[in-house]
PDB file of N, CA and C in Angstrom:
ATOM      1  N   MET A   1      44.004 -21.634 -14.509  1.00  0.00           N
ATOM      2  CA  MET A   1      42.864 -21.880 -15.357  1.00  0.00           C
ATOM      3  C   MET A   1      41.602 -21.739 -14.506  1.00  0.00           C
ATOM      4  N   SER A   2      40.636 -21.092 -15.055  1.00  0.00           N
ATOM      5  CA  SER A   2      39.347 -20.985 -14.397  1.00  0.00           C
ATOM      6  C   SER A   2      38.663 -22.344 -14.430  1.00  0.00           C
ATOM      7  N   ALA A   3      38.236 -22.817 -13.269  1.00  0.00           N
ATOM      8  CA  ALA A   3      37.600 -24.134 -13.204  1.00  0.00           C
ATOM      9  C   ALA A   3      36.305 -24.168 -14.009  1.00  0.00           C
ATOM     10  N   GLY A   4      35.568 -23.054 -14.014  1.00  0.00           N
ATOM     11  CA  GLY A   4      34.295 -23.023 -14.712  1.00  0.00           C
ATOM     12  C   GLY A   4      34.414 -22.893 -16.216  1.00  0.00           C
ATOM     13  N   THR A   5      35.300 -22.015 -16.684  1.00  0.00           N
ATOM     14  CA  THR A   5      35.392 -21.731 -18.121  1.00  0.00           C
ATOM     15  C   THR A   5      36.548 -22.436 -18.803  1.00  0.00           C
ATOM     16  N   LYS A   6      37.494 -22.960 -18.025  1.00  0.00           N
ATOM     17  CA  LYS A   6      38.705 -23.609 -18.540  1.00  0.00           C
ATOM     18  C   LYS A   6      39.620 -22.641 -19.305  1.00  0.00           C
ATOM     19  N   VAL A   7      39.424 -21.335 -19.093  1.00  0.00           N
ATOM     20  CA  VAL A   7      40.265 -20.325 -19.733  1.00  0.00           C
ATOM     21  C   VAL A   7      41.569 -20.209 -18.942  1.00  0.00           C
ATOM     22  N   VAL A   8      42.701 -20.326 -19.638  1.00  0.00           N
ATOM     23  CA  VAL A   8      44.011 -20.203 -19.014  1.00  0.00           C
ATOM     24  C   VAL A   8      44.395 -18.728 -18.985  1.00  0.00           C
ATOM     25  N   ARG A   9      44.745 -18.247 -17.788  1.00  0.00           N
ATOM     26  CA  ARG A   9      45.155 -16.855 -17.645  1.00  0.00           C
ATOM     27  C   ARG A   9      46.571 -16.847 -17.063  1.00  0.00           C
ATOM     28  N   ASN A  10      47.570 -17.021 -17.922  1.00  0.00           N
ATOM     29  CA  ASN A  10      48.937 -17.146 -17.430  1.00  0.00           C
ATOM     30  C   ASN A  10      49.775 -15.894 -17.646  1.00  0.00           C
ATOM     31  N   GLN A  11      49.223 -14.850 -18.194  1.00  0.00           N
ATOM     32  CA  GLN A  11      49.982 -13.627 -18.442  1.00  0.00           C
ATOM     33  C   GLN A  11      49.600 -12.515 -17.477  1.00  0.00           C
ATOM     34  N   ASN A  12      48.982 -12.856 -16.359  1.00  0.00           N
ATOM     35  CA  ASN A  12      48.482 -11.864 -15.428  1.00  0.00           C
ATOM     36  C   ASN A  12      49.176 -12.038 -14.089  1.00  0.00           C
ATOM     37  N   ARG A  13      49.803 -10.977 -13.573  1.00  0.00           N
ATOM     38  CA  ARG A  13      50.517 -11.088 -12.292  1.00  0.00           C
ATOM     39  C   ARG A  13      49.580 -11.429 -11.135  1.00  0.00           C
ATOM     40  N   LEU A  14      48.281 -11.221 -11.309  1.00  0.00           N
ATOM     41  CA  LEU A  14      47.319 -11.554 -10.261  1.00  0.00           C
ATOM     42  C   LEU A  14      47.228 -13.066 -10.050  1.00  0.00           C
ATOM     43  N   ASN A  15      47.706 -13.840 -11.012  1.00  0.00           N
ATOM     44  CA  ASN A  15      47.677 -15.295 -10.913  1.00  0.00           C
ATOM     45  C   ASN A  15      49.010 -15.893 -10.473  1.00  0.00           C
ATOM     46  N   ALA A  16      50.009 -15.064 -10.228  1.00  0.00           N
ATOM     47  CA  ALA A  16      51.333 -15.565  -9.860  1.00  0.00           C
ATOM     48  C   ALA A  16      51.306 -16.193  -8.465  1.00  0.00           C
ATOM     49  N   VAL A  17      52.095 -17.247  -8.303  1.00  0.00           N
ATOM     50  CA  VAL A  17      52.189 -17.917  -7.009  1.00  0.00           C
ATOM     51  C   VAL A  17      53.646 -18.013  -6.573  1.00  0.00           C
ATOM     52  N   LEU A  18      53.823 -18.130  -5.294  1.00  0.00           N
ATOM     53  CA  LEU A  18      55.133 -18.283  -4.680  1.00  0.00           C
ATOM     54  C   LEU A  18      55.160 -19.670  -4.064  1.00  0.00           C
ATOM     55  N   LEU A  19      56.112 -20.487  -4.452  1.00  0.00           N
ATOM     56  CA  LEU A  19      56.209 -21.858  -3.942  1.00  0.00           C
ATOM     57  C   LEU A  19      57.361 -21.984  -2.962  1.00  0.00           C
ATOM     58  N   LEU A  20      57.124 -22.679  -1.872  1.00  0.00           N
ATOM     59  CA  LEU A  20      58.151 -22.950  -0.861  1.00  0.00           C
ATOM     60  C   LEU A  20      58.104 -24.425  -0.501  1.00  0.00           C
ATOM     61  N   ARG A  21      59.257 -24.971  -0.179  1.00  0.00           N
ATOM     62  CA  ARG A  21      59.291 -26.322   0.371  1.00  0.00           C
ATOM     63  C   ARG A  21      59.912 -26.214   1.751  1.00  0.00           C
ATOM     64  N   LEU A  22      59.133 -26.575   2.752  1.00  0.00           N
ATOM     65  CA  LEU A  22      59.574 -26.521   4.143  1.00  0.00           C
ATOM     66  C   LEU A  22      59.438 -27.914   4.748  1.00  0.00           C
ATOM     67  N   ASP A  23      60.129 -28.139   5.840  1.00  0.00           N
ATOM     68  CA  ASP A  23      60.038 -29.411   6.538  1.00  0.00           C
ATOM     69  C   ASP A  23      58.601 -29.569   7.050  1.00  0.00           C
ATOM     70  N   PRO A  24      57.869 -30.591   6.594  1.00  0.00           N
ATOM     71  CA  PRO A  24      56.471 -30.744   7.016  1.00  0.00           C
ATOM     72  C   PRO A  24      56.305 -30.843   8.528  1.00  0.00           C
ATOM     73  N   ALA A  25      57.301 -31.366   9.222  1.00  0.00           N
ATOM     74  CA  ALA A  25      57.215 -31.511  10.679  1.00  0.00           C
ATOM     75  C   ALA A  25      57.243 -30.168  11.395  1.00  0.00           C
ATOM     76  N   THR A  26      57.668 -29.109  10.706  1.00  0.00           N
ATOM     77  CA  THR A  26      57.767 -27.796  11.344  1.00  0.00           C
ATOM     78  C   THR A  26      56.567 -26.896  11.059  1.00  0.00           C
ATOM     79  N   LEU A  27      55.619 -27.377  10.258  1.00  0.00           N
ATOM     80  CA  LEU A  27      54.489 -26.548   9.868  1.00  0.00           C
ATOM     81  C   LEU A  27      53.393 -26.517  10.931  1.00  0.00           C
ATOM     82  N   GLY A  28      52.761 -25.349  11.070  1.00  0.00           N
ATOM     83  CA  GLY A  28      51.581 -25.235  11.917  1.00  0.00           C
ATOM     84  C   GLY A  28      50.430 -26.006  11.276  1.00  0.00           C
ATOM     85  N   GLU A  29      49.347 -26.191  11.996  1.00  0.00           N
ATOM     86  CA  GLU A  29      48.232 -27.008  11.510  1.00  0.00           C
ATOM     87  C   GLU A  29      47.624 -26.479  10.214  1.00  0.00           C
ATOM     88  N   GLN A  30      47.387 -25.162  10.115  1.00  0.00           N
ATOM     89  CA  GLN A  30      46.797 -24.613   8.898  1.00  0.00           C
ATOM     90  C   GLN A  30      47.732 -24.758   7.704  1.00  0.00           C
ATOM     91  N   ALA A  31      49.007 -24.496   7.912  1.00  0.00           N
ATOM     92  CA  ALA A  31      49.978 -24.629   6.826  1.00  0.00           C
ATOM     93  C   ALA A  31      50.092 -26.087   6.403  1.00  0.00           C
ATOM     94  N   LYS A  32      50.098 -26.985   7.369  1.00  0.00           N
ATOM     95  CA  LYS A  32      50.190 -28.407   7.061  1.00  0.00           C
ATOM     96  C   LYS A  32      48.992 -28.851   6.220  1.00  0.00           C
ATOM     97  N   ALA A  33      47.804 -28.346   6.536  1.00  0.00           N
ATOM     98  CA  ALA A  33      46.590 -28.718   5.799  1.00  0.00           C
ATOM     99  C   ALA A  33      46.614 -28.202   4.361  1.00  0.00           C
ATOM    100  N   ALA A  34      47.322 -27.109   4.112  1.00  0.00           N
ATOM    101  CA  ALA A  34      47.382 -26.512   2.772  1.00  0.00           C
ATOM    102  C   ALA A  34      48.614 -26.969   1.995  1.00  0.00           C
ATOM    103  N   SER A  35      49.401 -27.877   2.572  1.00  0.00           N
ATOM    104  CA  SER A  35      50.654 -28.284   1.919  1.00  0.00           C
ATOM    105  C   SER A  35      50.584 -29.724   1.444  1.00  0.00           C
ATOM    106  N   VAL A  36      51.517 -30.064   0.571  1.00  0.00           N
ATOM    107  CA  VAL A  36      51.722 -31.443   0.151  1.00  0.00           C
ATOM    108  C   VAL A  36      53.211 -31.716   0.311  1.00  0.00           C
ATOM    109  N   ASP A  37      53.552 -32.618   1.213  1.00  0.00           N
ATOM    110  CA  ASP A  37      54.956 -32.951   1.489  1.00  0.00           C
ATOM    111  C   ASP A  37      55.790 -31.708   1.793  1.00  0.00           C
ATOM    112  N   GLY A  38      55.196 -30.742   2.485  1.00  0.00           N
ATOM    113  CA  GLY A  38      55.914 -29.526   2.860  1.00  0.00           C
ATOM    114  C   GLY A  38      55.949 -28.456   1.790  1.00  0.00           C
ATOM    115  N   ILE A  39      55.341 -28.710   0.638  1.00  0.00           N
ATOM    116  CA  ILE A  39      55.296 -27.698  -0.414  1.00  0.00           C
ATOM    117  C   ILE A  39      54.086 -26.805  -0.163  1.00  0.00           C
ATOM    118  N   LEU A  40      54.358 -25.515  -0.040  1.00  0.00           N
ATOM    119  CA  LEU A  40      53.312 -24.514   0.185  1.00  0.00           C
ATOM    120  C   LEU A  40      53.285 -23.556  -0.991  1.00  0.00           C
ATOM    121  N   ALA A  41      52.122 -23.071  -1.310  1.00  0.00           N
ATOM    122  CA  ALA A  41      51.969 -22.091  -2.378  1.00  0.00           C
ATOM    123  C   ALA A  41      51.124 -20.940  -1.849  1.00  0.00           C
ATOM    124  N   PHE A  42      51.583 -19.724  -2.112  1.00  0.00           N
ATOM    125  CA  PHE A  42      50.862 -18.526  -1.694  1.00  0.00           C
ATOM    126  C   PHE A  42      50.719 -17.594  -2.885  1.00  0.00           C
ATOM    127  N   SER A  43      49.703 -16.757  -2.840  1.00  0.00           N
ATOM    128  CA  SER A  43      49.612 -15.672  -3.809  1.00  0.00           C
ATOM    129  C   SER A  43      50.826 -14.782  -3.592  1.00  0.00           C
ATOM    130  N   VAL A  44      51.384 -14.226  -4.666  1.00  0.00           N
ATOM    131  CA  VAL A  44      52.505 -13.302  -4.513  1.00  0.00           C
ATOM    132  C   VAL A  44      52.032 -11.883  -4.235  1.00  0.00           C
ATOM    133  N   LEU A  45      50.729 -11.667  -4.201  1.00  0.00           N
ATOM    134  CA  LEU A  45      50.197 -10.324  -3.954  1.00  0.00           C
ATOM    135  C   LEU A  45      50.079 -10.059  -2.462  1.00  0.00           C
ATOM    136  N   CYS A  46      50.663  -8.973  -2.022  1.00  0.00           N
ATOM    137  CA  CYS A  46      50.530  -8.573  -0.626  1.00  0.00           C
ATOM    138  C   CYS A  46      49.080  -8.137  -0.398  1.00  0.00           C
ATOM    139  N   PRO A  47      48.423  -8.663   0.631  1.00  0.00           N
ATOM    140  CA  PRO A  47      47.028  -8.297   0.877  1.00  0.00           C
ATOM    141  C   PRO A  47      46.850  -6.855   1.335  1.00  0.00           C
ATOM    142  N   HIS A  48      47.932  -6.154   1.618  1.00  0.00           N
ATOM    143  CA  HIS A  48      47.838  -4.757   2.022  1.00  0.00           C
ATOM    144  C   HIS A  48      47.547  -3.852   0.838  1.00  0.00           C
ATOM    145  N   ALA A  49      48.417  -3.884  -0.181  1.00  0.00           N
ATOM    146  CA  ALA A  49      48.263  -2.942  -1.287  1.00  0.00           C
ATOM    147  C   ALA A  49      48.500  -3.572  -2.658  1.00  0.00           C
ATOM    148  N   GLY A  50      48.643  -4.868  -2.709  1.00  0.00           N
ATOM    149  CA  GLY A  50      48.786  -5.544  -3.993  1.00  0.00           C
ATOM    150  C   GLY A  50      50.187  -5.547  -4.574  1.00  0.00           C
ATOM    151  N   CYS A  51      51.171  -5.123  -3.811  1.00  0.00           N
ATOM    152  CA  CYS A  51      52.558  -5.200  -4.285  1.00  0.00           C
ATOM    153  C   CYS A  51      52.960  -6.673  -4.349  1.00  0.00           C
ATOM    154  N   THR A  52      54.062  -6.949  -5.007  1.00  0.00           N
ATOM    155  CA  THR A  52      54.531  -8.324  -5.147  1.00  0.00           C
ATOM    156  C   THR A  52      55.433  -8.703  -3.980  1.00  0.00           C
ATOM    157  N   ILE A  53      55.118  -9.835  -3.343  1.00  0.00           N
ATOM    158  CA  ILE A  53      55.978 -10.373  -2.289  1.00  0.00           C
ATOM    159  C   ILE A  53      57.216 -10.915  -3.001  1.00  0.00           C
ATOM    160  N   ALA A  54      58.345 -10.279  -2.798  1.00  0.00           N
ATOM    161  CA  ALA A  54      59.542 -10.639  -3.563  1.00  0.00           C
ATOM    162  C   ALA A  54      60.736 -10.988  -2.692  1.00  0.00           C
ATOM    163  N   ASP A  55      60.619 -10.849  -1.395  1.00  0.00           N
ATOM    164  CA  ASP A  55      61.785 -11.058  -0.531  1.00  0.00           C
ATOM    165  C   ASP A  55      61.577 -12.220   0.427  1.00  0.00           C
ATOM    166  N   TRP A  56      62.659 -12.946   0.633  1.00  0.00           N
ATOM    167  CA  TRP A  56      62.730 -13.996   1.648  1.00  0.00           C
ATOM    168  C   TRP A  56      63.834 -13.581   2.599  1.00  0.00           C
ATOM    169  N   ILE A  57      63.537 -13.506   3.878  1.00  0.00           N
ATOM    170  CA  ILE A  57      64.538 -13.140   4.885  1.00  0.00           C
ATOM    171  C   ILE A  57      64.870 -14.414   5.654  1.00  0.00           C
ATOM    172  N   PRO A  58      65.913 -15.132   5.210  1.00  0.00           N
ATOM    173  CA  PRO A  58      66.185 -16.466   5.757  1.00  0.00           C
ATOM    174  C   PRO A  58      66.507 -16.480   7.250  1.00  0.00           C
ATOM    175  N   GLU A  59      67.204 -15.476   7.742  1.00  0.00           N
ATOM    176  CA  GLU A  59      67.559 -15.495   9.171  1.00  0.00           C
ATOM    177  C   GLU A  59      66.341 -15.348  10.072  1.00  0.00           C
ATOM    178  N   ARG A  60      65.231 -14.827   9.535  1.00  0.00           N
ATOM    179  CA  ARG A  60      63.996 -14.698  10.317  1.00  0.00           C
ATOM    180  C   ARG A  60      62.904 -15.623   9.809  1.00  0.00           C
ATOM    181  N   GLY A  61      63.134 -16.257   8.645  1.00  0.00           N
ATOM    182  CA  GLY A  61      62.159 -17.188   8.093  1.00  0.00           C
ATOM    183  C   GLY A  61      60.848 -16.535   7.709  1.00  0.00           C
ATOM    184  N   VAL A  62      60.921 -15.344   7.095  1.00  0.00           N
ATOM    185  CA  VAL A  62      59.694 -14.657   6.698  1.00  0.00           C
ATOM    186  C   VAL A  62      59.745 -14.251   5.231  1.00  0.00           C
ATOM    187  N   LEU A  63      58.564 -14.182   4.643  1.00  0.00           N
ATOM    188  CA  LEU A  63      58.379 -13.603   3.315  1.00  0.00           C
ATOM    189  C   LEU A  63      58.079 -12.134   3.534  1.00  0.00           C
ATOM    190  N   ALA A  64      58.612 -11.269   2.678  1.00  0.00           N
ATOM    191  CA  ALA A  64      58.458  -9.839   2.920  1.00  0.00           C
ATOM    192  C   ALA A  64      58.057  -9.090   1.655  1.00  0.00           C
ATOM    193  N   CYS A  65      57.280  -8.047   1.865  1.00  0.00           N
ATOM    194  CA  CYS A  65      56.881  -7.127   0.813  1.00  0.00           C
ATOM    195  C   CYS A  65      57.720  -5.869   0.992  1.00  0.00           C
ATOM    196  N   ASP A  66      58.486  -5.514  -0.019  1.00  0.00           N
ATOM    197  CA  ASP A  66      59.364  -4.350   0.154  1.00  0.00           C
ATOM    198  C   ASP A  66      58.663  -3.018  -0.099  1.00  0.00           C
ATOM    199  N   CYS A  67      57.401  -3.039  -0.495  1.00  0.00           N
ATOM    200  CA  CYS A  67      56.669  -1.775  -0.686  1.00  0.00           C
ATOM    201  C   CYS A  67      56.388  -1.076   0.649  1.00  0.00           C
ATOM    202  N   HIS A  68      55.788  -1.826   1.582  1.00  0.00           N
ATOM    203  CA  HIS A  68      55.386  -1.236   2.862  1.00  0.00           C
ATOM    204  C   HIS A  68      55.882  -2.053   4.049  1.00  0.00           C
ATOM    205  N   GLU A  69      56.786  -3.012   3.763  1.00  0.00           N
ATOM    206  CA  GLU A  69      57.486  -3.779   4.787  1.00  0.00           C
ATOM    207  C   GLU A  69      56.617  -4.730   5.602  1.00  0.00           C
ATOM    208  N   SER A  70      55.543  -5.232   5.009  1.00  0.00           N
ATOM    209  CA  SER A  70      54.786  -6.291   5.677  1.00  0.00           C
ATOM    210  C   SER A  70      55.589  -7.577   5.596  1.00  0.00           C
ATOM    211  N   GLU A  71      55.477  -8.411   6.634  1.00  0.00           N
ATOM    212  CA  GLU A  71      56.182  -9.684   6.687  1.00  0.00           C
ATOM    213  C   GLU A  71      55.203 -10.785   7.058  1.00  0.00           C
ATOM    214  N   PHE A  72      55.442 -11.983   6.493  1.00  0.00           N
ATOM    215  CA  PHE A  72      54.514 -13.093   6.637  1.00  0.00           C
ATOM    216  C   PHE A  72      55.263 -14.367   6.992  1.00  0.00           C
ATOM    217  N   ASN A  73      54.673 -15.170   7.879  1.00  0.00           N
ATOM    218  CA  ASN A  73      55.275 -16.417   8.339  1.00  0.00           C
ATOM    219  C   ASN A  73      54.672 -17.589   7.559  1.00  0.00           C
ATOM    220  N   PRO A  74      55.436 -18.204   6.667  1.00  0.00           N
ATOM    221  CA  PRO A  74      54.883 -19.311   5.887  1.00  0.00           C
ATOM    222  C   PRO A  74      54.589 -20.558   6.728  1.00  0.00           C
ATOM    223  N   TRP A  75      55.289 -20.765   7.840  1.00  0.00           N
ATOM    224  CA  TRP A  75      55.054 -21.917   8.713  1.00  0.00           C
ATOM    225  C   TRP A  75      53.687 -21.828   9.388  1.00  0.00           C
ATOM    226  N   GLU A  76      53.161 -20.611   9.474  1.00  0.00           N
ATOM    227  CA  GLU A  76      51.848 -20.383  10.096  1.00  0.00           C
ATOM    228  C   GLU A  76      50.841 -19.906   9.051  1.00  0.00           C
ATOM    229  N   ALA A  77      50.881 -20.525   7.874  1.00  0.00           N
ATOM    230  CA  ALA A  77      49.912 -20.274   6.798  1.00  0.00           C
ATOM    231  C   ALA A  77      49.897 -18.816   6.334  1.00  0.00           C
ATOM    232  N   GLY A  78      51.063 -18.189   6.280  1.00  0.00           N
ATOM    233  CA  GLY A  78      51.151 -16.826   5.760  1.00  0.00           C
ATOM    234  C   GLY A  78      50.703 -15.752   6.733  1.00  0.00           C
ATOM    235  N   LYS A  79      50.704 -16.062   8.028  1.00  0.00           N
ATOM    236  CA  LYS A  79      50.283 -15.117   9.068  1.00  0.00           C
ATOM    237  C   LYS A  79      51.150 -13.859   9.033  1.00  0.00           C
ATOM    238  N   VAL A  80      50.507 -12.699   9.231  1.00  0.00           N
ATOM    239  CA  VAL A  80      51.225 -11.424   9.285  1.00  0.00           C
ATOM    240  C   VAL A  80      52.030 -11.371  10.583  1.00  0.00           C
ATOM    241  N   VAL A  81      53.330 -11.056  10.468  1.00  0.00           N
ATOM    242  CA  VAL A  81      54.166 -10.927  11.663  1.00  0.00           C
ATOM    243  C   VAL A  81      54.680  -9.506  11.853  1.00  0.00           C
ATOM    244  N   ASP A  82      54.568  -8.670  10.802  1.00  0.00           N
ATOM    245  CA  ASP A  82      55.023  -7.283  10.929  1.00  0.00           C
ATOM    246  C   ASP A  82      54.480  -6.480   9.753  1.00  0.00           C
ATOM    247  N   GLY A  83      54.372  -5.178   9.951  1.00  0.00           N
ATOM    248  CA  GLY A  83      53.972  -4.279   8.876  1.00  0.00           C
ATOM    249  C   GLY A  83      52.494  -3.955   8.882  1.00  0.00           C
ATOM    250  N   PRO A  84      52.062  -3.215   7.865  1.00  0.00           N
ATOM    251  CA  PRO A  84      50.687  -2.730   7.841  1.00  0.00           C
ATOM    252  C   PRO A  84      49.645  -3.725   7.334  1.00  0.00           C
ATOM    253  N   ALA A  85      50.053  -4.835   6.744  1.00  0.00           N
ATOM    254  CA  ALA A  85      49.057  -5.797   6.245  1.00  0.00           C
ATOM    255  C   ALA A  85      48.201  -6.285   7.403  1.00  0.00           C
ATOM    256  N   ALA A  86      46.901  -6.347   7.181  1.00  0.00           N
ATOM    257  CA  ALA A  86      45.974  -6.776   8.228  1.00  0.00           C
ATOM    258  C   ALA A  86      45.521  -8.220   8.051  1.00  0.00           C
ATOM    259  N   ARG A  87      45.828  -8.812   6.894  1.00  0.00           N
ATOM    260  CA  ARG A  87      45.382 -10.170   6.600  1.00  0.00           C
ATOM    261  C   ARG A  87      46.560 -11.024   6.144  1.00  0.00           C
ATOM    262  N   PRO A  88      46.478 -12.343   6.363  1.00  0.00           N
ATOM    263  CA  PRO A  88      47.566 -13.224   5.916  1.00  0.00           C
ATOM    264  C   PRO A  88      47.577 -13.375   4.402  1.00  0.00           C
ATOM    265  N   LEU A  89      48.670 -13.926   3.903  1.00  0.00           N
ATOM    266  CA  LEU A  89      48.741 -14.261   2.479  1.00  0.00           C
ATOM    267  C   LEU A  89      47.726 -15.360   2.181  1.00  0.00           C
ATOM    268  N   PRO A  90      46.957 -15.232   1.112  1.00  0.00           N
ATOM    269  CA  PRO A  90      46.026 -16.317   0.785  1.00  0.00           C
ATOM    270  C   PRO A  90      46.793 -17.543   0.290  1.00  0.00           C
ATOM    271  N   PRO A  91      46.557 -18.702   0.900  1.00  0.00           N
ATOM    272  CA  PRO A  91      47.268 -19.900   0.460  1.00  0.00           C
ATOM    273  C   PRO A  91      46.662 -20.486  -0.803  1.00  0.00           C
ATOM    274  N   ARG A  92      47.468 -21.210  -1.524  1.00  0.00           N
ATOM    275  CA  ARG A  92      47.028 -22.046  -2.637  1.00  0.00           C
ATOM    276  C   ARG A  92      47.315 -23.469  -2.187  1.00  0.00           C
ATOM    277  N   SER A  93      46.732 -24.431  -2.810  1.00  0.00           N
ATOM    278  CA  SER A  93      47.025 -25.813  -2.431  1.00  0.00           C
ATOM    279  C   SER A  93      47.168 -26.664  -3.679  1.00  0.00           C
ATOM    280  N   LEU A  94      47.627 -27.882  -3.487  1.00  0.00           N
ATOM    281  CA  LEU A  94      47.766 -28.820  -4.588  1.00  0.00           C
ATOM    282  C   LEU A  94      46.593 -29.791  -4.531  1.00  0.00           C
ATOM    283  N   VAL A  95      45.879 -29.900  -5.653  1.00  0.00           N
ATOM    284  CA  VAL A  95      44.747 -30.817  -5.760  1.00  0.00           C
ATOM    285  C   VAL A  95      45.012 -31.698  -6.970  1.00  0.00           C
ATOM    286  N   ASP A  96      45.157 -32.976  -6.740  1.00  0.00           N
ATOM    287  CA  ASP A  96      45.469 -33.912  -7.820  1.00  0.00           C
ATOM    288  C   ASP A  96      46.676 -33.467  -8.633  1.00  0.00           C
ATOM    289  N   GLY A  97      47.686 -32.909  -7.949  1.00  0.00           N
ATOM    290  CA  GLY A  97      48.910 -32.488  -8.603  1.00  0.00           C
ATOM    291  C   GLY A  97      48.849 -31.124  -9.265  1.00  0.00           C
ATOM    292  N   ASN A  98      47.719 -30.439  -9.163  1.00  0.00           N
ATOM    293  CA  ASN A  98      47.567 -29.109  -9.756  1.00  0.00           C
ATOM    294  C   ASN A  98      47.367 -28.065  -8.673  1.00  0.00           C
ATOM    295  N   LEU A  99      47.917 -26.867  -8.903  1.00  0.00           N
ATOM    296  CA  LEU A  99      47.681 -25.781  -7.964  1.00  0.00           C
ATOM    297  C   LEU A  99      46.223 -25.365  -8.029  1.00  0.00           C
ATOM    298  N   ALA A 100      45.635 -25.119  -6.876  1.00  0.00           N
ATOM    299  CA  ALA A 100      44.248 -24.668  -6.807  1.00  0.00           C
ATOM    300  C   ALA A 100      44.139 -23.608  -5.720  1.00  0.00           C
ATOM    301  N   VAL A 101      43.147 -22.769  -5.817  1.00  0.00           N
ATOM    302  CA  VAL A 101      42.928 -21.764  -4.785  1.00  0.00           C
ATOM    303  C   VAL A 101      42.448 -22.473  -3.537  1.00  0.00           C
ATOM    304  N   ALA A 102      43.188 -22.324  -2.451  1.00  0.00           N
ATOM    305  CA  ALA A 102      42.786 -22.927  -1.188  1.00  0.00           C
ATOM    306  C   ALA A 102      41.915 -21.954  -0.405  1.00  0.00           C
ATOM    307  N   LYS A 103      42.190 -20.670  -0.578  1.00  0.00           N
ATOM    308  CA  LYS A 103      41.446 -19.646   0.133  1.00  0.00           C
ATOM    309  C   LYS A 103      41.646 -18.334  -0.611  1.00  0.00           C
ATOM    310  N   SER A 104      40.586 -17.620  -0.844  1.00  0.00           N
ATOM    311  CA  SER A 104      40.672 -16.344  -1.544  1.00  0.00           C
ATOM    312  C   SER A 104      41.083 -15.243  -0.578  1.00  0.00           C
ATOM    313  N   PHE A 105      41.369 -14.056  -1.125  1.00  0.00           N
ATOM    314  CA  PHE A 105      41.614 -12.907  -0.268  1.00  0.00           C
ATOM    315  C   PHE A 105      40.391 -12.684   0.608  1.00  0.00           C
ATOM    316  N   ALA A 106      40.601 -12.297   1.863  1.00  0.00           N
ATOM    317  CA  ALA A 106      39.505 -12.099   2.809  1.00  0.00           C
ATOM    318  C   ALA A 106      38.690 -10.852   2.466  1.00  0.00           C
ATOM    319  N   GLY A 107      39.200 -10.006   1.648  1.00  0.00           N
ATOM    320  CA  GLY A 107      38.527  -8.783   1.226  1.00  0.00           C
ATOM    321  C   GLY A 107      39.341  -8.153   0.130  1.00  0.00           C
ATOM    322  N   PRO A 108      38.888  -7.031  -0.388  1.00  0.00           N
ATOM    323  CA  PRO A 108      39.644  -6.382  -1.460  1.00  0.00           C
ATOM    324  C   PRO A 108      41.006  -5.907  -0.967  1.00  0.00           C
ATOM    325  N   ILE A 109      41.976  -5.918  -1.883  1.00  0.00           N
ATOM    326  CA  ILE A 109      43.286  -5.347  -1.568  1.00  0.00           C
ATOM    327  C   ILE A 109      43.107  -3.837  -1.538  1.00  0.00           C
ATOM    328  N   ARG A 110      43.544  -3.214  -0.445  1.00  0.00           N
ATOM    329  CA  ARG A 110      43.276  -1.784  -0.270  1.00  0.00           C
ATOM    330  C   ARG A 110      44.497  -1.062   0.250  1.00  0.00           C
ATOM    331  N   PHE A 111      44.563   0.221  -0.048  1.00  0.00           N
ATOM    332  CA  PHE A 111      45.636   1.060   0.471  1.00  0.00           C
ATOM    333  C   PHE A 111      45.289   1.661   1.825  1.00  0.00           C
ATOM    334  N   ASP A 112      44.035   1.578   2.229  1.00  0.00           N
ATOM    335  CA  ASP A 112      43.596   2.297   3.422  1.00  0.00           C
ATOM    336  C   ASP A 112      43.270   1.388   4.596  1.00  0.00           C
ATOM    337  N   GLU A 113      43.986   0.269   4.741  1.00  0.00           N
ATOM    338  CA  GLU A 113      43.734  -0.641   5.875  1.00  0.00           C
ATOM    339  C   GLU A 113      44.146   0.020   7.170  1.00  0.00           C
TER     340      GLU A 113
END
């Protein structure tokens, strides 16, 4: 929901989030600040080209985009660990029990990074 207009936009993939629950003791400082009891939320859009982050690679503990093979570390606030993405996943946070934007994309999603 837009905070200003109160318009609910739930049919748009641009608003989709990915939720994870990790051990809070294992989170880096930025991830810990954006989490509640180890629950982290990230945009599902890859900051490289806007594909959907759909893969979890448990043996390496990374979220992955299968379009261009970017990988992100959720313990380090969505930091890029491999692939062409130049920016981390934008985190979402919980505010009064509701998901809220914790940080927007650092720039437009582009194919030419």
